[in-house]
Amino acid sequence: MVIDVGKEYFYRLANRDKNQGDGTHNAEQFRKKYLSEFDSPEEWRIGKREITFDFTSVEILGPSFANEAFAYFTKYASPENILKRFHFINISEVKMDTINEELTEGYRG
């Protein structure tokens, strides 16, 4: 499955939840919409699902969004295992560094 994040969700990924910024297009909504199937220990232990995020149309990725959307799963899996199942294409080095940093630091929800 490939998600064109900027077109299918939003081009500006900055808000952690409804309480940050204007509260719209937030990471919590994103995670529930696209990643709910990954939200269980069993999925990370025995599941094989993978997902690809196309960042072609994403202009901004904030650390709090990356933390809530992707680092959230560090409670189930290591950053290395998360990146084996969450693939990022057409993403800038800076945005990928932001995701890697948040995965490394862990979830701070």
C-alpha atoms as a PDB file:
ATOM      1  CA  MET A   1       0.000   0.000   0.000  1.00  0.00           C
ATOM      2  CA  VAL A   2       1.319   3.439  -0.961  1.00  0.00           C
ATOM      3  CA  ILE A   3      -0.070   6.596   0.634  1.00  0.00           C
ATOM      4  CA  ASP A   4       0.575   9.894  -1.143  1.00  0.00           C
ATOM      5  CA  VAL A   5       0.633  11.762   2.146  1.00  0.00           C
ATOM      6  CA  GLY A   6       0.519  15.314   0.797  1.00  0.00           C
ATOM      7  CA  LYS A   7      -2.396  14.623  -1.542  1.00  0.00           C
ATOM      8  CA  GLU A   8      -4.372  12.095   0.497  1.00  0.00           C
ATOM      9  CA  TYR A   9      -3.868  13.704   3.906  1.00  0.00           C
ATOM     10  CA  PHE A  10      -2.225  17.140   3.983  1.00  0.00           C
ATOM     11  CA  TYR A  11       0.896  18.912   2.746  1.00  0.00           C
ATOM     12  CA  ARG A  12       1.773  20.415   6.150  1.00  0.00           C
ATOM     13  CA  LEU A  13       2.434  17.865   8.908  1.00  0.00           C
ATOM     14  CA  ALA A  14       2.994  19.857  12.058  1.00  0.00           C
ATOM     15  CA  ASN A  15       0.307  19.264  14.703  1.00  0.00           C
ATOM     16  CA  ARG A  16       0.664  16.438  17.230  1.00  0.00           C
ATOM     17  CA  ASP A  17      -3.002  16.414  18.252  1.00  0.00           C
ATOM     18  CA  LYS A  18      -6.122  18.581  18.366  1.00  0.00           C
ATOM     19  CA  ASN A  19      -4.533  20.782  21.049  1.00  0.00           C
ATOM     20  CA  GLN A  20      -1.503  21.862  19.026  1.00  0.00           C
ATOM     21  CA  GLY A  21      -1.569  24.648  16.458  1.00  0.00           C
ATOM     22  CA  ASP A  22      -4.964  24.855  14.797  1.00  0.00           C
ATOM     23  CA  GLY A  23      -5.550  21.189  15.689  1.00  0.00           C
ATOM     24  CA  THR A  24      -6.372  20.134  12.153  1.00  0.00           C
ATOM     25  CA  HIS A  25      -4.636  17.461  10.103  1.00  0.00           C
ATOM     26  CA  ASN A  26      -2.879  16.233  13.198  1.00  0.00           C
ATOM     27  CA  ALA A  27      -0.671  13.188  13.736  1.00  0.00           C
ATOM     28  CA  GLU A  28      -3.129  11.450  16.015  1.00  0.00           C
ATOM     29  CA  GLN A  29      -5.777  11.549  13.254  1.00  0.00           C
ATOM     30  CA  PHE A  30      -3.193  10.435  10.689  1.00  0.00           C
ATOM     31  CA  ARG A  31      -2.119   7.466  12.819  1.00  0.00           C
ATOM     32  CA  LYS A  32      -5.709   6.363  13.400  1.00  0.00           C
ATOM     33  CA  LYS A  33      -6.598   6.745   9.726  1.00  0.00           C
ATOM     34  CA  TYR A  34      -3.586   5.036   8.143  1.00  0.00           C
ATOM     35  CA  LEU A  35      -1.804   3.038  10.842  1.00  0.00           C
ATOM     36  CA  SER A  36      -4.502   1.586  13.109  1.00  0.00           C
ATOM     37  CA  GLU A  37      -3.726  -1.944  11.869  1.00  0.00           C
ATOM     38  CA  PHE A  38      -0.213  -1.574  13.297  1.00  0.00           C
ATOM     39  CA  ASP A  39      -1.440  -0.557  16.756  1.00  0.00           C
ATOM     40  CA  SER A  40      -1.032  -3.823  18.635  1.00  0.00           C
ATOM     41  CA  PRO A  41       1.843  -5.824  20.094  1.00  0.00           C
ATOM     42  CA  GLU A  42       0.743  -8.882  18.105  1.00  0.00           C
ATOM     43  CA  GLU A  43       1.074  -7.051  14.797  1.00  0.00           C
ATOM     44  CA  TRP A  44       4.689  -6.190  15.591  1.00  0.00           C
ATOM     45  CA  ARG A  45       5.430  -9.678  16.878  1.00  0.00           C
ATOM     46  CA  ILE A  46       3.868 -11.799  14.106  1.00  0.00           C
ATOM     47  CA  GLY A  47       2.456  -9.421  11.490  1.00  0.00           C
ATOM     48  CA  LYS A  48       3.941  -8.766   8.095  1.00  0.00           C
ATOM     49  CA  ARG A  49       2.092  -5.664   6.947  1.00  0.00           C
ATOM     50  CA  GLU A  50       4.116  -2.932   5.288  1.00  0.00           C
ATOM     51  CA  ILE A  51       3.158   0.550   4.187  1.00  0.00           C
ATOM     52  CA  THR A  52       4.875   3.119   1.983  1.00  0.00           C
ATOM     53  CA  PHE A  53       4.510   6.836   2.493  1.00  0.00           C
ATOM     54  CA  ASP A  54       5.159   9.031  -0.540  1.00  0.00           C
ATOM     55  CA  PHE A  55       6.280  12.460   0.667  1.00  0.00           C
ATOM     56  CA  THR A  56       6.410  14.104  -2.778  1.00  0.00           C
ATOM     57  CA  SER A  57       3.748  16.671  -1.861  1.00  0.00           C
ATOM     58  CA  VAL A  58       4.659  17.138   1.805  1.00  0.00           C
ATOM     59  CA  GLU A  59       6.150  20.567   2.400  1.00  0.00           C
ATOM     60  CA  ILE A  60       6.584  20.527   6.185  1.00  0.00           C
ATOM     61  CA  LEU A  61       7.157  17.726   8.695  1.00  0.00           C
ATOM     62  CA  GLY A  62       7.389  18.818  12.317  1.00  0.00           C
ATOM     63  CA  PRO A  63       9.032  16.736  15.050  1.00  0.00           C
ATOM     64  CA  SER A  64       5.855  16.523  17.122  1.00  0.00           C
ATOM     65  CA  PHE A  65       3.953  15.101  14.142  1.00  0.00           C
ATOM     66  CA  ALA A  66       6.714  12.572  13.451  1.00  0.00           C
ATOM     67  CA  ASN A  67       6.779  11.600  17.107  1.00  0.00           C
ATOM     68  CA  GLU A  68       3.028  11.063  17.415  1.00  0.00           C
ATOM     69  CA  ALA A  69       2.559   9.401  14.024  1.00  0.00           C
ATOM     70  CA  PHE A  70       5.640   7.179  13.796  1.00  0.00           C
ATOM     71  CA  ALA A  71       7.603   7.071  17.080  1.00  0.00           C
ATOM     72  CA  TYR A  72       4.354   6.068  18.789  1.00  0.00           C
ATOM     73  CA  PHE A  73       5.117   2.528  17.593  1.00  0.00           C
ATOM     74  CA  THR A  74       8.403   2.328  19.490  1.00  0.00           C
ATOM     75  CA  LYS A  75       6.321   0.949  22.356  1.00  0.00           C
ATOM     76  CA  TYR A  76       5.977  -2.182  20.204  1.00  0.00           C
ATOM     77  CA  ALA A  77       9.111  -2.309  18.069  1.00  0.00           C
ATOM     78  CA  SER A  78      12.627  -0.964  17.678  1.00  0.00           C
ATOM     79  CA  PRO A  79      13.268   1.921  15.284  1.00  0.00           C
ATOM     80  CA  GLU A  80      15.010  -0.532  12.929  1.00  0.00           C
ATOM     81  CA  ASN A  81      11.966  -2.814  12.830  1.00  0.00           C
ATOM     82  CA  ILE A  82       9.619   0.105  12.313  1.00  0.00           C
ATOM     83  CA  LEU A  83      11.648   1.246   9.305  1.00  0.00           C
ATOM     84  CA  LYS A  84      11.498  -2.275   7.852  1.00  0.00           C
ATOM     85  CA  ARG A  85       7.728  -1.942   7.685  1.00  0.00           C
ATOM     86  CA  PHE A  86       7.217   1.806   7.249  1.00  0.00           C
ATOM     87  CA  HIS A  87       8.851   2.902   4.004  1.00  0.00           C
ATOM     88  CA  PHE A  88       9.351   6.524   3.018  1.00  0.00           C
ATOM     89  CA  ILE A  89       9.846   7.526  -0.608  1.00  0.00           C
ATOM     90  CA  ASN A  90      10.447  10.892  -2.240  1.00  0.00           C
ATOM     91  CA  ILE A  91      11.357  12.323   1.136  1.00  0.00           C
ATOM     92  CA  SER A  92      14.024  14.936   1.781  1.00  0.00           C
ATOM     93  CA  GLU A  93      17.031  14.135   3.913  1.00  0.00           C
ATOM     94  CA  VAL A  94      15.887  16.699   6.496  1.00  0.00           C
ATOM     95  CA  LYS A  95      12.419  15.144   6.831  1.00  0.00           C
ATOM     96  CA  MET A  96      13.893  11.650   7.084  1.00  0.00           C
ATOM     97  CA  ASP A  97      16.350  12.891   9.715  1.00  0.00           C
ATOM     98  CA  THR A  98      13.387  14.239  11.681  1.00  0.00           C
ATOM     99  CA  ILE A  99      11.659  10.842  11.565  1.00  0.00           C
ATOM    100  CA  ASN A 100      14.860   9.019  12.519  1.00  0.00           C
ATOM    101  CA  GLU A 101      15.489  11.382  15.427  1.00  0.00           C
ATOM    102  CA  GLU A 102      11.981  10.892  16.786  1.00  0.00           C
ATOM    103  CA  LEU A 103      12.191   7.110  16.396  1.00  0.00           C
ATOM    104  CA  THR A 104      15.522   7.081  18.209  1.00  0.00           C
ATOM    105  CA  GLU A 105      14.300   9.267  21.058  1.00  0.00           C
ATOM    106  CA  GLY A 106      11.088   7.268  21.451  1.00  0.00           C
ATOM    107  CA  TYR A 107       7.487   8.207  21.951  1.00  0.00           C
ATOM    108  CA  ARG A 108       6.714  11.239  24.095  1.00  0.00           C
ATOM    109  CA  GLY A 109       2.913  11.324  23.898  1.00  0.00           C
END
